[in-house]
Amino acid sequence: RVKEKIGNLSFQNYRPTKKNILVVGPVPGQKYKEITFPILSPDPASKRDIHFLKYPIYVGGNRGRGQIYLDGSKSNNNVYNATAAGIVKKIIRKEKWG
């Protein structure tokens, strides 16, 4: 039943250091007005350092246009293509606004 609600959605952590923040998407807004997030609760009997319902979990969905899916494929509204093939090896951040 949960698999039917989830479908083929991709879930990922917001940051590697933030395991309790989950993000899904991008997804088309008309199709996904409601999203089921699968959460597996910890078993305190098998791990003593983890306690049931002792930490917050945050979830968010990206219902946007012109996005790239987690597997690298383009969404249906992305009209831009790269002008050259290649691999991004480095991103240099500007001091302000970008």
PDB file of N, CA and C in Angstrom:
ATOM      1  N   ARG A   1       0.820  -1.196   0.000  1.00  0.00           N
ATOM      2  CA  ARG A   1       0.000   0.000   0.000  1.00  0.00           C
ATOM      3  C   ARG A   1       0.865   1.261   0.000  1.00  0.00           C
ATOM      4  N   VAL A   2       1.926   1.281   0.782  1.00  0.00           N
ATOM      5  CA  VAL A   2       2.808   2.455   0.804  1.00  0.00           C
ATOM      6  C   VAL A   2       3.488   2.624  -0.543  1.00  0.00           C
ATOM      7  N   LYS A   3       3.902   1.516  -1.168  1.00  0.00           N
ATOM      8  CA  LYS A   3       4.563   1.576  -2.481  1.00  0.00           C
ATOM      9  C   LYS A   3       3.643   2.219  -3.519  1.00  0.00           C
ATOM     10  N   GLU A   4       2.353   1.947  -3.440  1.00  0.00           N
ATOM     11  CA  GLU A   4       1.398   2.557  -4.369  1.00  0.00           C
ATOM     12  C   GLU A   4       1.327   4.070  -4.172  1.00  0.00           C
ATOM     13  N   LYS A   5       1.390   4.521  -2.922  1.00  0.00           N
ATOM     14  CA  LYS A   5       1.331   5.956  -2.636  1.00  0.00           C
ATOM     15  C   LYS A   5       2.611   6.668  -3.046  1.00  0.00           C
ATOM     16  N   ILE A   6       3.749   5.984  -2.894  1.00  0.00           N
ATOM     17  CA  ILE A   6       5.042   6.601  -3.203  1.00  0.00           C
ATOM     18  C   ILE A   6       5.297   6.624  -4.699  1.00  0.00           C
ATOM     19  N   GLY A   7       4.967   5.532  -5.385  1.00  0.00           N
ATOM     20  CA  GLY A   7       5.223   5.451  -6.822  1.00  0.00           C
ATOM     21  C   GLY A   7       6.711   5.448  -7.115  1.00  0.00           C
ATOM     22  N   ASN A   8       7.140   6.231  -8.096  1.00  0.00           N
ATOM     23  CA  ASN A   8       8.550   6.299  -8.492  1.00  0.00           C
ATOM     24  C   ASN A   8       9.235   7.570  -8.005  1.00  0.00           C
ATOM     25  N   LEU A   9       8.769   8.134  -6.920  1.00  0.00           N
ATOM     26  CA  LEU A   9       9.378   9.354  -6.397  1.00  0.00           C
ATOM     27  C   LEU A   9      10.781   9.080  -5.873  1.00  0.00           C
ATOM     28  N   SER A  10      11.652  10.058  -6.015  1.00  0.00           N
ATOM     29  CA  SER A  10      13.021   9.960  -5.505  1.00  0.00           C
ATOM     30  C   SER A  10      13.146  10.810  -4.253  1.00  0.00           C
ATOM     31  N   PHE A  11      13.688  10.216  -3.208  1.00  0.00           N
ATOM     32  CA  PHE A  11      13.908  10.912  -1.944  1.00  0.00           C
ATOM     33  C   PHE A  11      15.403  11.020  -1.700  1.00  0.00           C
ATOM     34  N   GLN A  12      15.830  12.114  -1.109  1.00  0.00           N
ATOM     35  CA  GLN A  12      17.242  12.263  -0.758  1.00  0.00           C
ATOM     36  C   GLN A  12      17.364  13.159   0.468  1.00  0.00           C
ATOM     37  N   ASN A  13      18.520  13.071   1.132  1.00  0.00           N
ATOM     38  CA  ASN A  13      18.795  13.953   2.260  1.00  0.00           C
ATOM     39  C   ASN A  13      19.110  15.343   1.737  1.00  0.00           C
ATOM     40  N   TYR A  14      18.687  16.363   2.468  1.00  0.00           N
ATOM     41  CA  TYR A  14      18.968  17.745   2.088  1.00  0.00           C
ATOM     42  C   TYR A  14      20.466  18.008   2.083  1.00  0.00           C
ATOM     43  N   ARG A  15      21.165  17.530   3.086  1.00  0.00           N
ATOM     44  CA  ARG A  15      22.621  17.629   3.199  1.00  0.00           C
ATOM     45  C   ARG A  15      23.130  16.317   3.777  1.00  0.00           C
ATOM     46  N   PRO A  16      24.351  15.916   3.439  1.00  0.00           N
ATOM     47  CA  PRO A  16      24.892  14.674   4.019  1.00  0.00           C
ATOM     48  C   PRO A  16      24.940  14.706   5.545  1.00  0.00           C
ATOM     49  N   THR A  17      25.103  15.882   6.115  1.00  0.00           N
ATOM     50  CA  THR A  17      25.177  15.986   7.571  1.00  0.00           C
ATOM     51  C   THR A  17      23.804  16.160   8.216  1.00  0.00           C
ATOM     52  N   LYS A  18      22.769  16.297   7.420  1.00  0.00           N
ATOM     53  CA  LYS A  18      21.405  16.497   7.930  1.00  0.00           C
ATOM     54  C   LYS A  18      20.532  15.316   7.513  1.00  0.00           C
ATOM     55  N   LYS A  19      20.703  14.186   8.168  1.00  0.00           N
ATOM     56  CA  LYS A  19      19.969  12.970   7.810  1.00  0.00           C
ATOM     57  C   LYS A  19      18.478  13.069   8.125  1.00  0.00           C
ATOM     58  N   ASN A  20      18.082  14.027   8.957  1.00  0.00           N
ATOM     59  CA  ASN A  20      16.678  14.151   9.330  1.00  0.00           C
ATOM     60  C   ASN A  20      15.904  15.143   8.455  1.00  0.00           C
ATOM     61  N   ILE A  21      16.538  15.664   7.398  1.00  0.00           N
ATOM     62  CA  ILE A  21      15.853  16.564   6.468  1.00  0.00           C
ATOM     63  C   ILE A  21      15.778  15.869   5.115  1.00  0.00           C
ATOM     64  N   LEU A  22      14.563  15.580   4.658  1.00  0.00           N
ATOM     65  CA  LEU A  22      14.349  14.858   3.407  1.00  0.00           C
ATOM     66  C   LEU A  22      13.735  15.775   2.362  1.00  0.00           C
ATOM     67  N   VAL A  23      14.122  15.555   1.114  1.00  0.00           N
ATOM     68  CA  VAL A  23      13.606  16.341  -0.008  1.00  0.00           C
ATOM     69  C   VAL A  23      13.140  15.371  -1.088  1.00  0.00           C
ATOM     70  N   VAL A  24      12.034  15.692  -1.719  1.00  0.00           N
ATOM     71  CA  VAL A  24      11.536  14.910  -2.843  1.00  0.00           C
ATOM     72  C   VAL A  24      11.320  15.856  -4.015  1.00  0.00           C
ATOM     73  N   GLY A  25      11.607  15.347  -5.208  1.00  0.00           N
ATOM     74  CA  GLY A  25      11.291  16.151  -6.381  1.00  0.00           C
ATOM     75  C   GLY A  25      12.481  16.505  -7.228  1.00  0.00           C
ATOM     76  N   PRO A  26      12.251  17.256  -8.256  1.00  0.00           N
ATOM     77  CA  PRO A  26      11.022  17.991  -8.564  1.00  0.00           C
ATOM     78  C   PRO A  26       9.910  17.069  -9.062  1.00  0.00           C
ATOM     79  N   VAL A  27       8.690  17.450  -8.768  1.00  0.00           N
ATOM     80  CA  VAL A  27       7.521  16.687  -9.185  1.00  0.00           C
ATOM     81  C   VAL A  27       6.492  17.641  -9.783  1.00  0.00           C
ATOM     82  N   PRO A  28       5.675  17.151 -10.726  1.00  0.00           N
ATOM     83  CA  PRO A  28       4.617  18.003 -11.270  1.00  0.00           C
ATOM     84  C   PRO A  28       3.553  18.270 -10.208  1.00  0.00           C
ATOM     85  N   GLY A  29       3.204  19.518 -10.022  1.00  0.00           N
ATOM     86  CA  GLY A  29       2.276  19.915  -8.974  1.00  0.00           C
ATOM     87  C   GLY A  29       0.874  19.367  -9.135  1.00  0.00           C
ATOM     88  N   GLN A  30       0.393  19.249 -10.361  1.00  0.00           N
ATOM     89  CA  GLN A  30      -0.963  18.749 -10.566  1.00  0.00           C
ATOM     90  C   GLN A  30      -1.093  17.287 -10.154  1.00  0.00           C
ATOM     91  N   LYS A  31      -0.061  16.496 -10.415  1.00  0.00           N
ATOM     92  CA  LYS A  31      -0.111  15.064 -10.103  1.00  0.00           C
ATOM     93  C   LYS A  31       0.126  14.802  -8.621  1.00  0.00           C
ATOM     94  N   TYR A  32       0.988  15.595  -7.993  1.00  0.00           N
ATOM     95  CA  TYR A  32       1.376  15.346  -6.604  1.00  0.00           C
ATOM     96  C   TYR A  32       0.908  16.478  -5.697  1.00  0.00           C
ATOM     97  N   LYS A  33      -0.393  16.556  -5.478  1.00  0.00           N
ATOM     98  CA  LYS A  33      -0.919  17.531  -4.522  1.00  0.00           C
ATOM     99  C   LYS A  33      -0.694  17.041  -3.099  1.00  0.00           C
ATOM    100  N   GLU A  34      -0.590  15.726  -2.931  1.00  0.00           N
ATOM    101  CA  GLU A  34      -0.252  15.107  -1.652  1.00  0.00           C
ATOM    102  C   GLU A  34       0.876  14.120  -1.895  1.00  0.00           C
ATOM    103  N   ILE A  35       1.839  14.081  -0.981  1.00  0.00           N
ATOM    104  CA  ILE A  35       2.983  13.173  -1.106  1.00  0.00           C
ATOM    105  C   ILE A  35       3.126  12.392   0.190  1.00  0.00           C
ATOM    106  N   THR A  36       3.309  11.083   0.078  1.00  0.00           N
ATOM    107  CA  THR A  36       3.551  10.230   1.232  1.00  0.00           C
ATOM    108  C   THR A  36       5.048  10.036   1.385  1.00  0.00           C
ATOM    109  N   PHE A  37       5.583  10.388   2.551  1.00  0.00           N
ATOM    110  CA  PHE A  37       7.004  10.200   2.843  1.00  0.00           C
ATOM    111  C   PHE A  37       7.161   8.938   3.680  1.00  0.00           C
ATOM    112  N   PRO A  38       7.898   7.946   3.189  1.00  0.00           N
ATOM    113  CA  PRO A  38       8.091   6.724   3.984  1.00  0.00           C
ATOM    114  C   PRO A  38       9.134   6.956   5.079  1.00  0.00           C
ATOM    115  N   ILE A  39       8.750   6.756   6.314  1.00  0.00           N
ATOM    116  CA  ILE A  39       9.652   6.930   7.448  1.00  0.00           C
ATOM    117  C   ILE A  39       9.720   5.607   8.205  1.00  0.00           C
ATOM    118  N   LEU A  40      10.916   5.071   8.351  1.00  0.00           N
ATOM    119  CA  LEU A  40      11.128   3.845   9.116  1.00  0.00           C
ATOM    120  C   LEU A  40      11.631   4.241  10.494  1.00  0.00           C
ATOM    121  N   SER A  41      10.857   3.936  11.507  1.00  0.00           N
ATOM    122  CA  SER A  41      11.254   4.320  12.864  1.00  0.00           C
ATOM    123  C   SER A  41      12.365   3.402  13.366  1.00  0.00           C
ATOM    124  N   PRO A  42      13.246   3.925  14.211  1.00  0.00           N
ATOM    125  CA  PRO A  42      14.348   3.117  14.736  1.00  0.00           C
ATOM    126  C   PRO A  42      13.845   2.088  15.749  1.00  0.00           C
ATOM    127  N   ASP A  43      14.624   1.041  15.934  1.00  0.00           N
ATOM    128  CA  ASP A  43      14.302   0.003  16.904  1.00  0.00           C
ATOM    129  C   ASP A  43      15.204   0.169  18.120  1.00  0.00           C
ATOM    130  N   PRO A  44      14.677   0.712  19.225  1.00  0.00           N
ATOM    131  CA  PRO A  44      15.526   0.934  20.399  1.00  0.00           C
ATOM    132  C   PRO A  44      16.063  -0.358  21.002  1.00  0.00           C
ATOM    133  N   ALA A  45      15.441  -1.490  20.713  1.00  0.00           N
ATOM    134  CA  ALA A  45      15.937  -2.761  21.246  1.00  0.00           C
ATOM    135  C   ALA A  45      17.241  -3.185  20.581  1.00  0.00           C
ATOM    136  N   SER A  46      17.420  -2.820  19.309  1.00  0.00           N
ATOM    137  CA  SER A  46      18.639  -3.223  18.602  1.00  0.00           C
ATOM    138  C   SER A  46      19.746  -2.178  18.691  1.00  0.00           C
ATOM    139  N   LYS A  47      19.384  -0.915  18.877  1.00  0.00           N
ATOM    140  CA  LYS A  47      20.375   0.161  19.015  1.00  0.00           C
ATOM    141  C   LYS A  47      20.013   1.000  20.229  1.00  0.00           C
ATOM    142  N   ARG A  48      20.816   0.917  21.239  1.00  0.00           N
ATOM    143  CA  ARG A  48      20.518   1.616  22.494  1.00  0.00           C
ATOM    144  C   ARG A  48      20.713   3.132  22.389  1.00  0.00           C
ATOM    145  N   ASP A  49      21.542   3.605  21.453  1.00  0.00           N
ATOM    146  CA  ASP A  49      21.801   5.041  21.345  1.00  0.00           C
ATOM    147  C   ASP A  49      20.731   5.783  20.544  1.00  0.00           C
ATOM    148  N   ILE A  50      19.770   5.066  19.983  1.00  0.00           N
ATOM    149  CA  ILE A  50      18.685   5.679  19.223  1.00  0.00           C
ATOM    150  C   ILE A  50      17.392   5.468  19.998  1.00  0.00           C
ATOM    151  N   HIS A  51      16.610   6.525  20.133  1.00  0.00           N
ATOM    152  CA  HIS A  51      15.373   6.446  20.898  1.00  0.00           C
ATOM    153  C   HIS A  51      14.193   6.798  20.012  1.00  0.00           C
ATOM    154  N   PHE A  52      13.141   6.057  20.155  1.00  0.00           N
ATOM    155  CA  PHE A  52      11.932   6.244  19.372  1.00  0.00           C
ATOM    156  C   PHE A  52      11.338   7.633  19.611  1.00  0.00           C
ATOM    157  N   LEU A  53      11.126   8.388  18.533  1.00  0.00           N
ATOM    158  CA  LEU A  53      10.532   9.725  18.546  1.00  0.00           C
ATOM    159  C   LEU A  53      11.274  10.730  19.416  1.00  0.00           C
ATOM    160  N   LYS A  54      12.585  10.687  19.374  1.00  0.00           N
ATOM    161  CA  LYS A  54      13.387  11.629  20.155  1.00  0.00           C
ATOM    162  C   LYS A  54      14.084  12.668  19.285  1.00  0.00           C
ATOM    163  N   TYR A  55      13.834  12.696  17.983  1.00  0.00           N
ATOM    164  CA  TYR A  55      14.472  13.671  17.106  1.00  0.00           C
ATOM    165  C   TYR A  55      13.477  14.101  16.026  1.00  0.00           C
ATOM    166  N   PRO A  56      13.580  15.332  15.584  1.00  0.00           N
ATOM    167  CA  PRO A  56      12.643  15.838  14.574  1.00  0.00           C
ATOM    168  C   PRO A  56      13.015  15.363  13.171  1.00  0.00           C
ATOM    169  N   ILE A  57      12.009  15.250  12.333  1.00  0.00           N
ATOM    170  CA  ILE A  57      12.206  14.934  10.917  1.00  0.00           C
ATOM    171  C   ILE A  57      11.497  16.019  10.119  1.00  0.00           C
ATOM    172  N   TYR A  58      12.201  16.600   9.165  1.00  0.00           N
ATOM    173  CA  TYR A  58      11.648  17.651   8.313  1.00  0.00           C
ATOM    174  C   TYR A  58      11.576  17.120   6.889  1.00  0.00           C
ATOM    175  N   VAL A  59      10.492  17.397   6.201  1.00  0.00           N
ATOM    176  CA  VAL A  59      10.334  16.953   4.825  1.00  0.00           C
ATOM    177  C   VAL A  59       9.904  18.132   3.964  1.00  0.00           C
ATOM    178  N   GLY A  60      10.280  18.088   2.702  1.00  0.00           N
ATOM    179  CA  GLY A  60       9.904  19.136   1.772  1.00  0.00           C
ATOM    180  C   GLY A  60       9.831  18.596   0.363  1.00  0.00           C
ATOM    181  N   GLY A  61       8.994  19.196  -0.428  1.00  0.00           N
ATOM    182  CA  GLY A  61       8.860  18.791  -1.814  1.00  0.00           C
ATOM    183  C   GLY A  61       9.161  19.945  -2.742  1.00  0.00           C
ATOM    184  N   ASN A  62       9.775  19.640  -3.855  1.00  0.00           N
ATOM    185  CA  ASN A  62      10.074  20.643  -4.870  1.00  0.00           C
ATOM    186  C   ASN A  62       9.079  20.451  -5.999  1.00  0.00           C
ATOM    187  N   ARG A  63       8.013  21.240  -5.973  1.00  0.00           N
ATOM    188  CA  ARG A  63       7.027  21.202  -7.051  1.00  0.00           C
ATOM    189  C   ARG A  63       7.350  22.356  -7.981  1.00  0.00           C
ATOM    190  N   GLY A  64       8.263  22.123  -8.888  1.00  0.00           N
ATOM    191  CA  GLY A  64       8.732  23.221  -9.717  1.00  0.00           C
ATOM    192  C   GLY A  64       8.750  22.894 -11.185  1.00  0.00           C
ATOM    193  N   ARG A  65       9.114  23.896 -11.965  1.00  0.00           N
ATOM    194  CA  ARG A  65       9.241  23.743 -13.412  1.00  0.00           C
ATOM    195  C   ARG A  65      10.682  24.000 -13.799  1.00  0.00           C
ATOM    196  N   GLY A  66      11.085  23.418 -14.912  1.00  0.00           N
ATOM    197  CA  GLY A  66      12.429  23.650 -15.417  1.00  0.00           C
ATOM    198  C   GLY A  66      13.496  23.028 -14.547  1.00  0.00           C
ATOM    199  N   GLN A  67      13.175  21.946 -13.903  1.00  0.00           N
ATOM    200  CA  GLN A  67      14.099  21.301 -12.983  1.00  0.00           C
ATOM    201  C   GLN A  67      14.749  20.091 -13.641  1.00  0.00           C
ATOM    202  N   ILE A  68      15.764  19.589 -12.989  1.00  0.00           N
ATOM    203  CA  ILE A  68      16.389  18.330 -13.396  1.00  0.00           C
ATOM    204  C   ILE A  68      16.116  17.324 -12.298  1.00  0.00           C
ATOM    205  N   TYR A  69      15.661  16.132 -12.683  1.00  0.00           N
ATOM    206  CA  TYR A  69      15.360  15.096 -11.707  1.00  0.00           C
ATOM    207  C   TYR A  69      16.643  14.527 -11.117  1.00  0.00           C
ATOM    208  N   LEU A  70      16.500  13.803 -10.001  1.00  0.00           N
ATOM    209  CA  LEU A  70      17.659  13.256  -9.306  1.00  0.00           C
ATOM    210  C   LEU A  70      18.469  12.296 -10.166  1.00  0.00           C
ATOM    211  N   ASP A  71      17.810  11.631 -11.123  1.00  0.00           N
ATOM    212  CA  ASP A  71      18.546  10.710 -11.994  1.00  0.00           C
ATOM    213  C   ASP A  71      19.213  11.426 -13.171  1.00  0.00           C
ATOM    214  N   GLY A  72      19.086  12.751 -13.254  1.00  0.00           N
ATOM    215  CA  GLY A  72      19.735  13.529 -14.303  1.00  0.00           C
ATOM    216  C   GLY A  72      18.850  13.862 -15.483  1.00  0.00           C
ATOM    217  N   SER A  73      17.673  13.244 -15.583  1.00  0.00           N
ATOM    218  CA  SER A  73      16.779  13.537 -16.701  1.00  0.00           C
ATOM    219  C   SER A  73      16.063  14.863 -16.473  1.00  0.00           C
ATOM    220  N   LYS A  74      15.692  15.506 -17.573  1.00  0.00           N
ATOM    221  CA  LYS A  74      15.045  16.815 -17.493  1.00  0.00           C
ATOM    222  C   LYS A  74      13.561  16.651 -17.210  1.00  0.00           C
ATOM    223  N   SER A  75      12.983  17.651 -16.542  1.00  0.00           N
ATOM    224  CA  SER A  75      11.538  17.651 -16.341  1.00  0.00           C
ATOM    225  C   SER A  75      10.873  18.091 -17.639  1.00  0.00           C
ATOM    226  N   ASN A  76       9.556  17.993 -17.681  1.00  0.00           N
ATOM    227  CA  ASN A  76       8.838  18.297 -18.922  1.00  0.00           C
ATOM    228  C   ASN A  76       8.859  19.771 -19.301  1.00  0.00           C
ATOM    229  N   ASN A  77       9.243  20.658 -18.406  1.00  0.00           N
ATOM    230  CA  ASN A  77       9.237  22.086 -18.714  1.00  0.00           C
ATOM    231  C   ASN A  77      10.623  22.677 -18.919  1.00  0.00           C
ATOM    232  N   ASN A  78      11.648  21.865 -18.917  1.00  0.00           N
ATOM    233  CA  ASN A  78      13.014  22.361 -19.071  1.00  0.00           C
ATOM    234  C   ASN A  78      13.324  22.491 -20.556  1.00  0.00           C
ATOM    235  N   VAL A  79      13.486  23.725 -21.038  1.00  0.00           N
ATOM    236  CA  VAL A  79      13.711  23.948 -22.463  1.00  0.00           C
ATOM    237  C   VAL A  79      15.166  24.270 -22.780  1.00  0.00           C
ATOM    238  N   TYR A  80      16.019  24.319 -21.756  1.00  0.00           N
ATOM    239  CA  TYR A  80      17.410  24.701 -21.972  1.00  0.00           C
ATOM    240  C   TYR A  80      18.295  23.471 -22.109  1.00  0.00           C
ATOM    241  N   ASN A  81      19.190  23.522 -23.069  1.00  0.00           N
ATOM    242  CA  ASN A  81      20.169  22.456 -23.264  1.00  0.00           C
ATOM    243  C   ASN A  81      21.566  23.049 -23.181  1.00  0.00           C
ATOM    244  N   ALA A  82      22.514  22.233 -22.778  1.00  0.00           N
ATOM    245  CA  ALA A  82      23.902  22.689 -22.722  1.00  0.00           C
ATOM    246  C   ALA A  82      24.417  22.910 -24.136  1.00  0.00           C
ATOM    247  N   THR A  83      25.235  23.927 -24.311  1.00  0.00           N
ATOM    248  CA  THR A  83      25.797  24.216 -25.629  1.00  0.00           C
ATOM    249  C   THR A  83      27.016  23.359 -25.918  1.00  0.00           C
ATOM    250  N   ALA A  84      27.587  22.733 -24.877  1.00  0.00           N
ATOM    251  CA  ALA A  84      28.758  21.873 -25.061  1.00  0.00           C
ATOM    252  C   ALA A  84      28.683  20.713 -24.079  1.00  0.00           C
ATOM    253  N   ALA A  85      29.235  19.580 -24.482  1.00  0.00           N
ATOM    254  CA  ALA A  85      29.283  18.415 -23.597  1.00  0.00           C
ATOM    255  C   ALA A  85      30.471  18.551 -22.654  1.00  0.00           C
ATOM    256  N   GLY A  86      30.380  17.972 -21.483  1.00  0.00           N
ATOM    257  CA  GLY A  86      31.494  18.024 -20.547  1.00  0.00           C
ATOM    258  C   GLY A  86      31.075  17.680 -19.139  1.00  0.00           C
ATOM    259  N   ILE A  87      32.013  17.809 -18.225  1.00  0.00           N
ATOM    260  CA  ILE A  87      31.785  17.525 -16.817  1.00  0.00           C
ATOM    261  C   ILE A  87      32.164  18.755 -16.010  1.00  0.00           C
ATOM    262  N   VAL A  88      31.296  19.158 -15.092  1.00  0.00           N
ATOM    263  CA  VAL A  88      31.606  20.278 -14.202  1.00  0.00           C
ATOM    264  C   VAL A  88      32.574  19.765 -13.145  1.00  0.00           C
ATOM    265  N   LYS A  89      33.781  20.319 -13.124  1.00  0.00           N
ATOM    266  CA  LYS A  89      34.801  19.880 -12.174  1.00  0.00           C
ATOM    267  C   LYS A  89      34.924  20.809 -10.984  1.00  0.00           C
ATOM    268  N   LYS A  90      34.505  22.059 -11.161  1.00  0.00           N
ATOM    269  CA  LYS A  90      34.668  23.017 -10.086  1.00  0.00           C
ATOM    270  C   LYS A  90      33.645  24.132 -10.248  1.00  0.00           C
ATOM    271  N   ILE A  91      33.122  24.605  -9.131  1.00  0.00           N
ATOM    272  CA  ILE A  91      32.223  25.754  -9.127  1.00  0.00           C
ATOM    273  C   ILE A  91      32.874  26.822  -8.265  1.00  0.00           C
ATOM    274  N   ILE A  92      33.089  27.979  -8.849  1.00  0.00           N
ATOM    275  CA  ILE A  92      33.711  29.087  -8.125  1.00  0.00           C
ATOM    276  C   ILE A  92      32.607  30.036  -7.695  1.00  0.00           C
ATOM    277  N   ARG A  93      32.485  30.224  -6.411  1.00  0.00           N
ATOM    278  CA  ARG A  93      31.440  31.082  -5.865  1.00  0.00           C
ATOM    279  C   ARG A  93      31.895  32.537  -5.882  1.00  0.00           C
ATOM    280  N   LYS A  94      31.029  33.424  -6.376  1.00  0.00           N
ATOM    281  CA  LYS A  94      31.338  34.848  -6.380  1.00  0.00           C
ATOM    282  C   LYS A  94      31.179  35.402  -4.975  1.00  0.00           C
ATOM    283  N   GLU A  95      31.795  36.534  -4.733  1.00  0.00           N
ATOM    284  CA  GLU A  95      31.734  37.141  -3.404  1.00  0.00           C
ATOM    285  C   GLU A  95      30.311  37.511  -3.013  1.00  0.00           C
ATOM    286  N   LYS A  96      29.545  38.063  -3.966  1.00  0.00           N
ATOM    287  CA  LYS A  96      28.172  38.481  -3.690  1.00  0.00           C
ATOM    288  C   LYS A  96      27.252  38.004  -4.800  1.00  0.00           C
ATOM    289  N   TRP A  97      26.026  37.713  -4.429  1.00  0.00           N
ATOM    290  CA  TRP A  97      24.955  37.444  -5.375  1.00  0.00           C
ATOM    291  C   TRP A  97      25.273  36.332  -6.358  1.00  0.00           C
ATOM    292  N   GLY A  98      25.786  35.253  -5.919  1.00  0.00           N
ATOM    293  CA  GLY A  98      25.972  34.137  -6.834  1.00  0.00           C
ATOM    294  C   GLY A  98      27.111  33.313  -6.469  1.00  0.00           C
TER     295      GLY A  98
END
